Full PDB file with SEQRES, HELIX, SHEET, SSBOND, CRYST1, ORIGX, SCALE, CONECT and MASTER records, all heavy atoms in Angstrom:
SEQRES   1 A   35  LEU SER ASP ASP GLN ARG THR ILE LEU GLN VAL TYR ARG          
SEQRES   2 A   35  GLN ALA LEU ARG ASP LEU PRO SER GLN GLU GLY ALA PRO          
SEQRES   3 A   35  TRP ASP GLY GLY ALA GLU ASP THR PRO                          
HELIX    1 AA1 ASP A    3  ASP A   18  1                                  16    
HELIX    2 AA2 LEU A   19  SER A   21  5                                   3    
CRYST1    1.000    1.000    1.000  90.00  90.00  90.00 P 1           1          
ORIGX1      1.000000  0.000000  0.000000        0.00000                         
ORIGX2      0.000000  1.000000  0.000000        0.00000                         
ORIGX3      0.000000  0.000000  1.000000        0.00000                         
SCALE1      1.000000  0.000000  0.000000        0.00000                         
SCALE2      0.000000  1.000000  0.000000        0.00000                         
SCALE3      0.000000  0.000000  1.000000        0.00000                         
ATOM      1  N   LEU A   1       0.854  -1.183   0.000  1.00  0.00           N  
ATOM      2  CA  LEU A   1       0.000   0.000   0.000  1.00  0.00           C  
ATOM      3  C   LEU A   1       0.891   1.235   0.000  1.00  0.00           C  
ATOM      4  O   LEU A   1       1.933   1.255   0.662  1.00  0.00           O  
ATOM      5  CB  LEU A   1      -0.865   0.062   1.265  1.00  0.00           C  
ATOM      6  CG  LEU A   1      -2.094  -0.807   1.375  1.00  0.00           C  
ATOM      7  CD1 LEU A   1      -2.817  -0.529   2.683  1.00  0.00           C  
ATOM      8  CD2 LEU A   1      -3.039  -0.614   0.217  1.00  0.00           C  
ATOM      9  N   SER A   2       0.448   2.263  -0.688  1.00  0.00           N  
ATOM     10  CA  SER A   2       1.183   3.534  -0.620  1.00  0.00           C  
ATOM     11  C   SER A   2       0.889   4.164   0.736  1.00  0.00           C  
ATOM     12  O   SER A   2      -0.067   3.783   1.426  1.00  0.00           O  
ATOM     13  CB  SER A   2       0.742   4.461  -1.751  1.00  0.00           C  
ATOM     14  OG  SER A   2      -0.591   4.894  -1.526  1.00  0.00           O  
ATOM     15  N   ASP A   3       1.668   5.137   1.131  1.00  0.00           N  
ATOM     16  CA  ASP A   3       1.441   5.827   2.400  1.00  0.00           C  
ATOM     17  C   ASP A   3       0.062   6.494   2.399  1.00  0.00           C  
ATOM     18  O   ASP A   3      -0.636   6.477   3.420  1.00  0.00           O  
ATOM     19  CB  ASP A   3       2.532   6.869   2.670  1.00  0.00           C  
ATOM     20  CG  ASP A   3       3.873   6.226   3.015  1.00  0.00           C  
ATOM     21  OD1 ASP A   3       3.876   5.024   3.386  1.00  0.00           O  
ATOM     22  OD2 ASP A   3       4.901   6.918   2.913  1.00  0.00           O  
ATOM     23  N   ASP A   4      -0.351   7.071   1.260  1.00  0.00           N  
ATOM     24  CA  ASP A   4      -1.667   7.705   1.166  1.00  0.00           C  
ATOM     25  C   ASP A   4      -2.785   6.674   1.336  1.00  0.00           C  
ATOM     26  O   ASP A   4      -3.765   6.928   2.045  1.00  0.00           O  
ATOM     27  CB  ASP A   4      -1.832   8.411  -0.186  1.00  0.00           C  
ATOM     28  CG  ASP A   4      -1.024   9.697  -0.277  1.00  0.00           C  
ATOM     29  OD1 ASP A   4      -0.575  10.190   0.781  1.00  0.00           O  
ATOM     30  OD2 ASP A   4      -0.869  10.199  -1.402  1.00  0.00           O  
ATOM     31  N   GLN A   5      -2.640   5.519   0.700  1.00  0.00           N  
ATOM     32  CA  GLN A   5      -3.649   4.466   0.832  1.00  0.00           C  
ATOM     33  C   GLN A   5      -3.727   3.969   2.281  1.00  0.00           C  
ATOM     34  O   GLN A   5      -4.810   3.745   2.811  1.00  0.00           O  
ATOM     35  CB  GLN A   5      -3.342   3.294  -0.105  1.00  0.00           C  
ATOM     36  CG  GLN A   5      -3.618   3.590  -1.557  1.00  0.00           C  
ATOM     37  CD  GLN A   5      -3.215   2.437  -2.445  1.00  0.00           C  
ATOM     38  OE1 GLN A   5      -2.151   1.828  -2.266  1.00  0.00           O  
ATOM     39  NE2 GLN A   5      -4.054   2.140  -3.440  1.00  0.00           N  
ATOM     40  N   ARG A   6      -2.556   3.796   2.909  1.00  0.00           N  
ATOM     41  CA  ARG A   6      -2.524   3.333   4.301  1.00  0.00           C  
ATOM     42  C   ARG A   6      -3.254   4.349   5.197  1.00  0.00           C  
ATOM     43  O   ARG A   6      -4.036   3.977   6.072  1.00  0.00           O  
ATOM     44  CB  ARG A   6      -1.082   3.118   4.763  1.00  0.00           C  
ATOM     45  CG  ARG A   6      -0.987   2.480   6.145  1.00  0.00           C  
ATOM     46  CD  ARG A   6       0.424   2.053   6.485  1.00  0.00           C  
ATOM     47  NE  ARG A   6       0.983   1.098   5.561  1.00  0.00           N  
ATOM     48  CZ  ARG A   6       0.752  -0.221   5.575  1.00  0.00           C  
ATOM     49  NH1 ARG A   6      -0.039  -0.717   6.491  1.00  0.00           N  
ATOM     50  NH2 ARG A   6       1.301  -1.004   4.700  1.00  0.00           N  
ATOM     51  N   THR A   7      -3.011   5.639   4.966  1.00  0.00           N  
ATOM     52  CA  THR A   7      -3.660   6.686   5.764  1.00  0.00           C  
ATOM     53  C   THR A   7      -5.170   6.673   5.544  1.00  0.00           C  
ATOM     54  O   THR A   7      -5.948   6.746   6.503  1.00  0.00           O  
ATOM     55  CB  THR A   7      -3.081   8.075   5.408  1.00  0.00           C  
ATOM     56  OG1 THR A   7      -1.680   8.064   5.673  1.00  0.00           O  
ATOM     57  CG2 THR A   7      -3.751   9.182   6.191  1.00  0.00           C  
ATOM     58  N   ILE A   8      -5.604   6.564   4.290  1.00  0.00           N  
ATOM     59  CA  ILE A   8      -7.038   6.507   3.974  1.00  0.00           C  
ATOM     60  C   ILE A   8      -7.682   5.298   4.652  1.00  0.00           C  
ATOM     61  O   ILE A   8      -8.766   5.398   5.241  1.00  0.00           O  
ATOM     62  CB  ILE A   8      -7.256   6.467   2.442  1.00  0.00           C  
ATOM     63  CG1 ILE A   8      -6.883   7.824   1.835  1.00  0.00           C  
ATOM     64  CG2 ILE A   8      -8.693   6.088   2.092  1.00  0.00           C  
ATOM     65  CD1 ILE A   8      -6.804   7.823   0.320  1.00  0.00           C  
ATOM     66  N   LEU A   9      -6.993   4.162   4.608  1.00  0.00           N  
ATOM     67  CA  LEU A   9      -7.505   2.947   5.233  1.00  0.00           C  
ATOM     68  C   LEU A   9      -7.600   3.105   6.746  1.00  0.00           C  
ATOM     69  O   LEU A   9      -8.597   2.702   7.365  1.00  0.00           O  
ATOM     70  CB  LEU A   9      -6.623   1.746   4.882  1.00  0.00           C  
ATOM     71  CG  LEU A   9      -7.075   0.413   5.444  1.00  0.00           C  
ATOM     72  CD1 LEU A   9      -8.449   0.029   4.900  1.00  0.00           C  
ATOM     73  CD2 LEU A   9      -6.050  -0.662   5.127  1.00  0.00           C  
ATOM     74  N   GLN A  10      -6.598   3.710   7.348  1.00  0.00           N  
ATOM     75  CA  GLN A  10      -6.620   3.915   8.804  1.00  0.00           C  
ATOM     76  C   GLN A  10      -7.759   4.859   9.204  1.00  0.00           C  
ATOM     77  O   GLN A  10      -8.409   4.654  10.228  1.00  0.00           O  
ATOM     78  CB  GLN A  10      -5.266   4.438   9.287  1.00  0.00           C  
ATOM     79  CG  GLN A  10      -4.192   3.367   9.234  1.00  0.00           C  
ATOM     80  CD  GLN A  10      -2.787   3.912   9.470  1.00  0.00           C  
ATOM     81  OE1 GLN A  10      -2.517   5.099   9.273  1.00  0.00           O  
ATOM     82  NE2 GLN A  10      -1.884   3.016   9.869  1.00  0.00           N  
ATOM     83  N   VAL A  11      -8.007   5.890   8.406  1.00  0.00           N  
ATOM     84  CA  VAL A  11      -9.114   6.809   8.677  1.00  0.00           C  
ATOM     85  C   VAL A  11     -10.457   6.048   8.570  1.00  0.00           C  
ATOM     86  O   VAL A  11     -11.341   6.210   9.423  1.00  0.00           O  
ATOM     87  CB  VAL A  11      -9.078   8.021   7.716  1.00  0.00           C  
ATOM     88  CG1 VAL A  11     -10.377   8.817   7.768  1.00  0.00           C  
ATOM     89  CG2 VAL A  11      -7.879   8.905   8.033  1.00  0.00           C  
ATOM     90  N   TYR A  12     -10.582   5.213   7.545  1.00  0.00           N  
ATOM     91  CA  TYR A  12     -11.803   4.413   7.373  1.00  0.00           C  
ATOM     92  C   TYR A  12     -12.011   3.494   8.578  1.00  0.00           C  
ATOM     93  O   TYR A  12     -13.106   3.434   9.151  1.00  0.00           O  
ATOM     94  CB  TYR A  12     -11.703   3.588   6.082  1.00  0.00           C  
ATOM     95  CG  TYR A  12     -12.745   2.499   5.968  1.00  0.00           C  
ATOM     96  CD1 TYR A  12     -14.088   2.799   5.724  1.00  0.00           C  
ATOM     97  CD2 TYR A  12     -12.386   1.151   6.107  1.00  0.00           C  
ATOM     98  CE1 TYR A  12     -15.042   1.799   5.631  1.00  0.00           C  
ATOM     99  CE2 TYR A  12     -13.341   0.146   6.011  1.00  0.00           C  
ATOM    100  CZ  TYR A  12     -14.654   0.473   5.775  1.00  0.00           C  
ATOM    101  OH  TYR A  12     -15.592  -0.522   5.681  1.00  0.00           O  
ATOM    102  N   ARG A  13     -10.973   2.796   8.987  1.00  0.00           N  
ATOM    103  CA  ARG A  13     -11.085   1.858  10.108  1.00  0.00           C  
ATOM    104  C   ARG A  13     -11.384   2.596  11.419  1.00  0.00           C  
ATOM    105  O   ARG A  13     -12.144   2.106  12.244  1.00  0.00           O  
ATOM    106  CB  ARG A  13      -9.824   0.998  10.217  1.00  0.00           C  
ATOM    107  CG  ARG A  13      -9.720  -0.014   9.072  1.00  0.00           C  
ATOM    108  CD  ARG A  13      -8.375  -0.725   9.055  1.00  0.00           C  
ATOM    109  NE  ARG A  13      -8.089  -1.408  10.291  1.00  0.00           N  
ATOM    110  CZ  ARG A  13      -8.432  -2.669  10.571  1.00  0.00           C  
ATOM    111  NH1 ARG A  13      -9.091  -3.387   9.680  1.00  0.00           N  
ATOM    112  NH2 ARG A  13      -8.112  -3.212  11.732  1.00  0.00           N  
ATOM    113  N   GLN A  14     -10.806   3.777  11.593  1.00  0.00           N  
ATOM    114  CA  GLN A  14     -11.094   4.549  12.802  1.00  0.00           C  
ATOM    115  C   GLN A  14     -12.553   5.006  12.806  1.00  0.00           C  
ATOM    116  O   GLN A  14     -13.213   4.992  13.837  1.00  0.00           O  
ATOM    117  CB  GLN A  14     -10.151   5.757  12.933  1.00  0.00           C  
ATOM    118  CG  GLN A  14     -10.305   6.493  14.249  1.00  0.00           C  
ATOM    119  CD  GLN A  14     -10.010   5.600  15.456  1.00  0.00           C  
ATOM    120  OE1 GLN A  14      -8.963   4.960  15.513  1.00  0.00           O  
ATOM    121  NE2 GLN A  14     -10.929   5.550  16.415  1.00  0.00           N  
ATOM    122  N   ALA A  15     -13.051   5.380  11.636  1.00  0.00           N  
ATOM    123  CA  ALA A  15     -14.462   5.777  11.536  1.00  0.00           C  
ATOM    124  C   ALA A  15     -15.374   4.598  11.902  1.00  0.00           C  
ATOM    125  O   ALA A  15     -16.404   4.781  12.564  1.00  0.00           O  
ATOM    126  CB  ALA A  15     -14.767   6.285  10.128  1.00  0.00           C  
ATOM    127  N   LEU A  16     -14.981   3.385  11.499  1.00  0.00           N  
ATOM    128  CA  LEU A  16     -15.752   2.195  11.900  1.00  0.00           C  
ATOM    129  C   LEU A  16     -15.713   2.012  13.416  1.00  0.00           C  
ATOM    130  O   LEU A  16     -16.737   1.746  14.043  1.00  0.00           O  
ATOM    131  CB  LEU A  16     -15.187   0.935  11.228  1.00  0.00           C  
ATOM    132  CG  LEU A  16     -15.487   0.752   9.737  1.00  0.00           C  
ATOM    133  CD1 LEU A  16     -14.724  -0.453   9.190  1.00  0.00           C  
ATOM    134  CD2 LEU A  16     -16.980   0.586   9.495  1.00  0.00           C  
ATOM    135  N   ARG A  17     -14.531   2.173  14.017  1.00  0.00           N  
ATOM    136  CA  ARG A  17     -14.408   2.003  15.476  1.00  0.00           C  
ATOM    137  C   ARG A  17     -15.231   3.058  16.227  1.00  0.00           C  
ATOM    138  O   ARG A  17     -15.768   2.779  17.287  1.00  0.00           O  
ATOM    139  CB  ARG A  17     -12.936   2.092  15.900  1.00  0.00           C  
ATOM    140  CG  ARG A  17     -12.144   0.839  15.624  1.00  0.00           C  
ATOM    141  CD  ARG A  17     -10.800   0.938  16.336  1.00  0.00           C  
ATOM    142  NE  ARG A  17      -9.721   0.321  15.604  1.00  0.00           N  
ATOM    143  CZ  ARG A  17      -9.121   0.775  14.517  1.00  0.00           C  
ATOM    144  NH1 ARG A  17      -9.481   1.909  13.977  1.00  0.00           N  
ATOM    145  NH2 ARG A  17      -8.154   0.107  13.953  1.00  0.00           N  
ATOM    146  N   ASP A  18     -15.303   4.270  15.676  1.00  0.00           N  
ATOM    147  CA  ASP A  18     -16.009   5.366  16.338  1.00  0.00           C  
ATOM    148  C   ASP A  18     -17.527   5.308  16.146  1.00  0.00           C  
ATOM    149  O   ASP A  18     -18.262   5.998  16.859  1.00  0.00           O  
ATOM    150  CB  ASP A  18     -15.506   6.720  15.810  1.00  0.00           C  
ATOM    151  CG  ASP A  18     -14.053   6.993  16.195  1.00  0.00           C  
ATOM    152  OD1 ASP A  18     -13.540   6.318  17.110  1.00  0.00           O  
ATOM    153  OD2 ASP A  18     -13.439   7.876  15.562  1.00  0.00           O  
ATOM    154  N   LEU A  19     -17.987   4.514  15.219  1.00  0.00           N  
ATOM    155  CA  LEU A  19     -19.405   4.496  14.863  1.00  0.00           C  
ATOM    156  C   LEU A  19     -20.335   4.289  16.067  1.00  0.00           C  
ATOM    157  O   LEU A  19     -21.302   5.043  16.220  1.00  0.00           O  
ATOM    158  CB  LEU A  19     -19.663   3.434  13.794  1.00  0.00           C  
ATOM    159  CG  LEU A  19     -20.960   3.564  13.018  1.00  0.00           C  
ATOM    160  CD1 LEU A  19     -21.026   4.875  12.255  1.00  0.00           C  
ATOM    161  CD2 LEU A  19     -21.102   2.402  12.064  1.00  0.00           C  
ATOM    162  N   PRO A  20     -20.080   3.318  16.954  1.00  0.00           N  
ATOM    163  CA  PRO A  20     -21.016   3.112  18.070  1.00  0.00           C  
ATOM    164  C   PRO A  20     -21.106   4.292  19.039  1.00  0.00           C  
ATOM    165  O   PRO A  20     -22.072   4.396  19.789  1.00  0.00           O  
ATOM    166  CB  PRO A  20     -20.466   1.873  18.788  1.00  0.00           C  
ATOM    167  CG  PRO A  20     -19.676   1.156  17.743  1.00  0.00           C  
ATOM    168  CD  PRO A  20     -19.085   2.249  16.890  1.00  0.00           C  
ATOM    169  N   SER A  21     -20.133   5.188  19.026  1.00  0.00           N  
ATOM    170  CA  SER A  21     -20.179   6.322  19.953  1.00  0.00           C  
ATOM    171  C   SER A  21     -20.748   7.589  19.295  1.00  0.00           C  
ATOM    172  O   SER A  21     -20.863   8.623  19.948  1.00  0.00           O  
ATOM    173  CB  SER A  21     -18.779   6.603  20.518  1.00  0.00           C  
ATOM    174  OG  SER A  21     -17.895   6.950  19.474  1.00  0.00           O  
ATOM    175  N   GLN A  22     -21.122   7.498  18.031  1.00  0.00           N  
ATOM    176  CA  GLN A  22     -21.693   8.659  17.351  1.00  0.00           C  
ATOM    177  C   GLN A  22     -23.118   8.909  17.829  1.00  0.00           C  
ATOM    178  O   GLN A  22     -23.823   7.997  18.261  1.00  0.00           O  
ATOM    179  CB  GLN A  22     -21.716   8.434  15.838  1.00  0.00           C  
ATOM    180  CG  GLN A  22     -20.368   8.516  15.183  1.00  0.00           C  
ATOM    181  CD  GLN A  22     -20.501   8.362  13.665  1.00  0.00           C  
ATOM    182  OE1 GLN A  22     -21.590   8.359  13.117  1.00  0.00           O  
ATOM    183  NE2 GLN A  22     -19.367   8.227  13.006  1.00  0.00           N  
ATOM    184  N   GLU A  23     -23.533  10.164  17.723  1.00  0.00           N  
ATOM    185  CA  GLU A  23     -24.908  10.514  18.083  1.00  0.00           C  
ATOM    186  C   GLU A  23     -25.869   9.777  17.151  1.00  0.00           C  
ATOM    187  O   GLU A  23     -25.652   9.700  15.952  1.00  0.00           O  
ATOM    188  CB  GLU A  23     -25.110  12.027  17.953  1.00  0.00           C  
ATOM    189  CG  GLU A  23     -26.453  12.477  18.467  1.00  0.00           C  
ATOM    190  CD  GLU A  23     -26.590  13.993  18.450  1.00  0.00           C  
ATOM    191  OE1 GLU A  23     -25.580  14.691  18.630  1.00  0.00           O  
ATOM    192  OE2 GLU A  23     -27.717  14.438  18.253  1.00  0.00           O  
ATOM    193  N   GLY A  24     -26.921   9.237  17.736  1.00  0.00           N  
ATOM    194  CA  GLY A  24     -27.915   8.501  16.963  1.00  0.00           C  
ATOM    195  C   GLY A  24     -27.709   6.992  17.009  1.00  0.00           C  
ATOM    196  O   GLY A  24     -28.599   6.236  16.645  1.00  0.00           O  
ATOM    197  N   ALA A  25     -26.503   6.563  17.415  1.00  0.00           N  
ATOM    198  CA  ALA A  25     -26.243   5.119  17.506  1.00  0.00           C  
ATOM    199  C   ALA A  25     -27.194   4.539  18.548  1.00  0.00           C  
ATOM    200  O   ALA A  25     -27.509   5.204  19.528  1.00  0.00           O  
ATOM    201  CB  ALA A  25     -24.792   4.862  17.882  1.00  0.00           C  
ATOM    202  N   PRO A  26     -27.669   3.387  18.324  1.00  0.00           N  
ATOM    203  CA  PRO A  26     -27.302   2.322  17.393  1.00  0.00           C  
ATOM    204  C   PRO A  26     -28.138   2.290  16.107  1.00  0.00           C  
ATOM    205  O   PRO A  26     -28.096   1.299  15.390  1.00  0.00           O  
ATOM    206  CB  PRO A  26     -27.546   1.053  18.208  1.00  0.00           C  
ATOM    207  CG  PRO A  26     -28.737   1.390  19.047  1.00  0.00           C  
ATOM    208  CD  PRO A  26     -28.572   2.859  19.365  1.00  0.00           C  
ATOM    209  N   TRP A  27     -28.909   3.331  15.826  1.00  0.00           N  
ATOM    210  CA  TRP A  27     -29.749   3.387  14.630  1.00  0.00           C  
ATOM    211  C   TRP A  27     -30.581   2.126  14.503  1.00  0.00           C  
ATOM    212  O   TRP A  27     -31.321   1.787  15.406  1.00  0.00           O  
ATOM    213  CB  TRP A  27     -28.918   3.650  13.366  1.00  0.00           C  
ATOM    214  CG  TRP A  27     -28.138   4.917  13.452  1.00  0.00           C  
ATOM    215  CD1 TRP A  27     -28.610   6.178  13.310  1.00  0.00           C  
ATOM    216  CD2 TRP A  27     -26.739   5.040  13.773  1.00  0.00           C  
ATOM    217  NE1 TRP A  27     -27.595   7.086  13.510  1.00  0.00           N  
ATOM    218  CE2 TRP A  27     -26.436   6.417  13.790  1.00  0.00           C  
ATOM    219  CE3 TRP A  27     -25.717   4.140  14.038  1.00  0.00           C  
ATOM    220  CZ2 TRP A  27     -25.184   6.898  14.048  1.00  0.00           C  
ATOM    221  CZ3 TRP A  27     -24.453   4.620  14.301  1.00  0.00           C  
ATOM    222  CH2 TRP A  27     -24.204   5.988  14.305  1.00  0.00           C  
ATOM    223  N   ASP A  28     -30.405   1.409  13.389  1.00  0.00           N  
ATOM    224  CA  ASP A  28     -31.181   0.180  13.165  1.00  0.00           C  
ATOM    225  C   ASP A  28     -30.349  -1.075  13.410  1.00  0.00           C  
ATOM    226  O   ASP A  28     -30.678  -2.145  12.934  1.00  0.00           O  
ATOM    227  CB  ASP A  28     -31.770   0.166  11.760  1.00  0.00           C  
ATOM    228  CG  ASP A  28     -30.707   0.234  10.679  1.00  0.00           C  
ATOM    229  OD1 ASP A  28     -29.521   0.443  11.005  1.00  0.00           O  
ATOM    230  OD2 ASP A  28     -31.048   0.078   9.500  1.00  0.00           O  
ATOM    231  N   GLY A  29     -29.275  -0.927  14.154  1.00  0.00           N  
ATOM    232  CA  GLY A  29     -28.457  -2.089  14.493  1.00  0.00           C  
ATOM    233  C   GLY A  29     -27.505  -2.510  13.391  1.00  0.00           C  
ATOM    234  O   GLY A  29     -27.147  -3.677  13.295  1.00  0.00           O  
ATOM    235  N   GLY A  30     -27.091  -1.578  12.557  1.00  0.00           N  
ATOM    236  CA  GLY A  30     -26.108  -1.898  11.526  1.00  0.00           C  
ATOM    237  C   GLY A  30     -26.696  -2.235  10.174  1.00  0.00           C  
ATOM    238  O   GLY A  30     -25.997  -2.744   9.307  1.00  0.00           O  
ATOM    239  N   ALA A  31     -27.956  -1.947   9.981  1.00  0.00           N  
ATOM    240  CA  ALA A  31     -28.584  -2.250   8.686  1.00  0.00           C  
ATOM    241  C   ALA A  31     -28.581  -0.999   7.805  1.00  0.00           C  
ATOM    242  O   ALA A  31     -27.661  -0.187   7.878  1.00  0.00           O  
ATOM    243  CB  ALA A  31     -29.992  -2.796   8.907  1.00  0.00           C  
ATOM    244  N   GLU A  32     -29.628  -0.813   7.028  1.00  0.00           N  
ATOM    245  CA  GLU A  32     -29.669   0.241   6.007  1.00  0.00           C  
ATOM    246  C   GLU A  32     -29.611   1.659   6.552  1.00  0.00           C  
ATOM    247  O   GLU A  32     -29.114   2.553   5.878  1.00  0.00           O  
ATOM    248  CB  GLU A  32     -30.934   0.078   5.158  1.00  0.00           C  
ATOM    249  CG  GLU A  32     -30.954  -1.179   4.335  1.00  0.00           C  
ATOM    250  CD  GLU A  32     -32.254  -1.355   3.568  1.00  0.00           C  
ATOM    251  OE1 GLU A  32     -33.081  -0.430   3.551  1.00  0.00           O  
ATOM    252  OE2 GLU A  32     -32.430  -2.433   2.990  1.00  0.00           O  
ATOM    253  N   ASP A  33     -30.158   1.899   7.736  1.00  0.00           N  
ATOM    254  CA  ASP A  33     -30.201   3.260   8.273  1.00  0.00           C  
ATOM    255  C   ASP A  33     -28.910   3.675   8.982  1.00  0.00           C  
ATOM    256  O   ASP A  33     -28.805   4.799   9.452  1.00  0.00           O  
ATOM    257  CB  ASP A  33     -31.374   3.411   9.243  1.00  0.00           C  
ATOM    258  CG  ASP A  33     -32.723   3.330   8.539  1.00  0.00           C  
ATOM    259  OD1 ASP A  33     -32.769   3.544   7.306  1.00  0.00           O  
ATOM    260  OD2 ASP A  33     -33.718   3.045   9.219  1.00  0.00           O  
ATOM    261  N   THR A  34     -27.962   2.762   9.080  1.00  0.00           N  
ATOM    262  CA  THR A  34     -26.698   3.074   9.753  1.00  0.00           C  
ATOM    263  C   THR A  34     -25.794   3.863   8.798  1.00  0.00           C  
ATOM    264  O   THR A  34     -25.604   3.443   7.651  1.00  0.00           O  
ATOM    265  CB  THR A  34     -25.994   1.774  10.194  1.00  0.00           C  
ATOM    266  OG1 THR A  34     -26.877   1.065  11.071  1.00  0.00           O  
ATOM    267  CG2 THR A  34     -24.690   2.060  10.906  1.00  0.00           C  
ATOM    268  N   PRO A  35     -25.246   4.979   9.246  1.00  0.00           N  
ATOM    269  CA  PRO A  35     -24.381   5.797   8.372  1.00  0.00           C  
ATOM    270  C   PRO A  35     -22.960   5.232   8.297  1.00  0.00           C  
ATOM    271  O   PRO A  35     -22.023   5.777   8.873  1.00  0.00           O  
ATOM    272  CB  PRO A  35     -24.417   7.173   9.050  1.00  0.00           C  
ATOM    273  CG  PRO A  35     -24.597   6.854  10.503  1.00  0.00           C  
ATOM    274  CD  PRO A  35     -25.463   5.630  10.546  1.00  0.00           C  
TER     275      PRO A  35                                                      
MASTER        0    0    0    2    0    0    0    6  274    1    0    3          
END                                                                             
């Protein structure tokens, strides 16, 4: 992976980790209404 790709991937994975603590969680439990 290039350094840019690695950074983009790390940002994506961090966004996944942060999802349960976002306002509105747990939405529909990870289905269509989950952002």
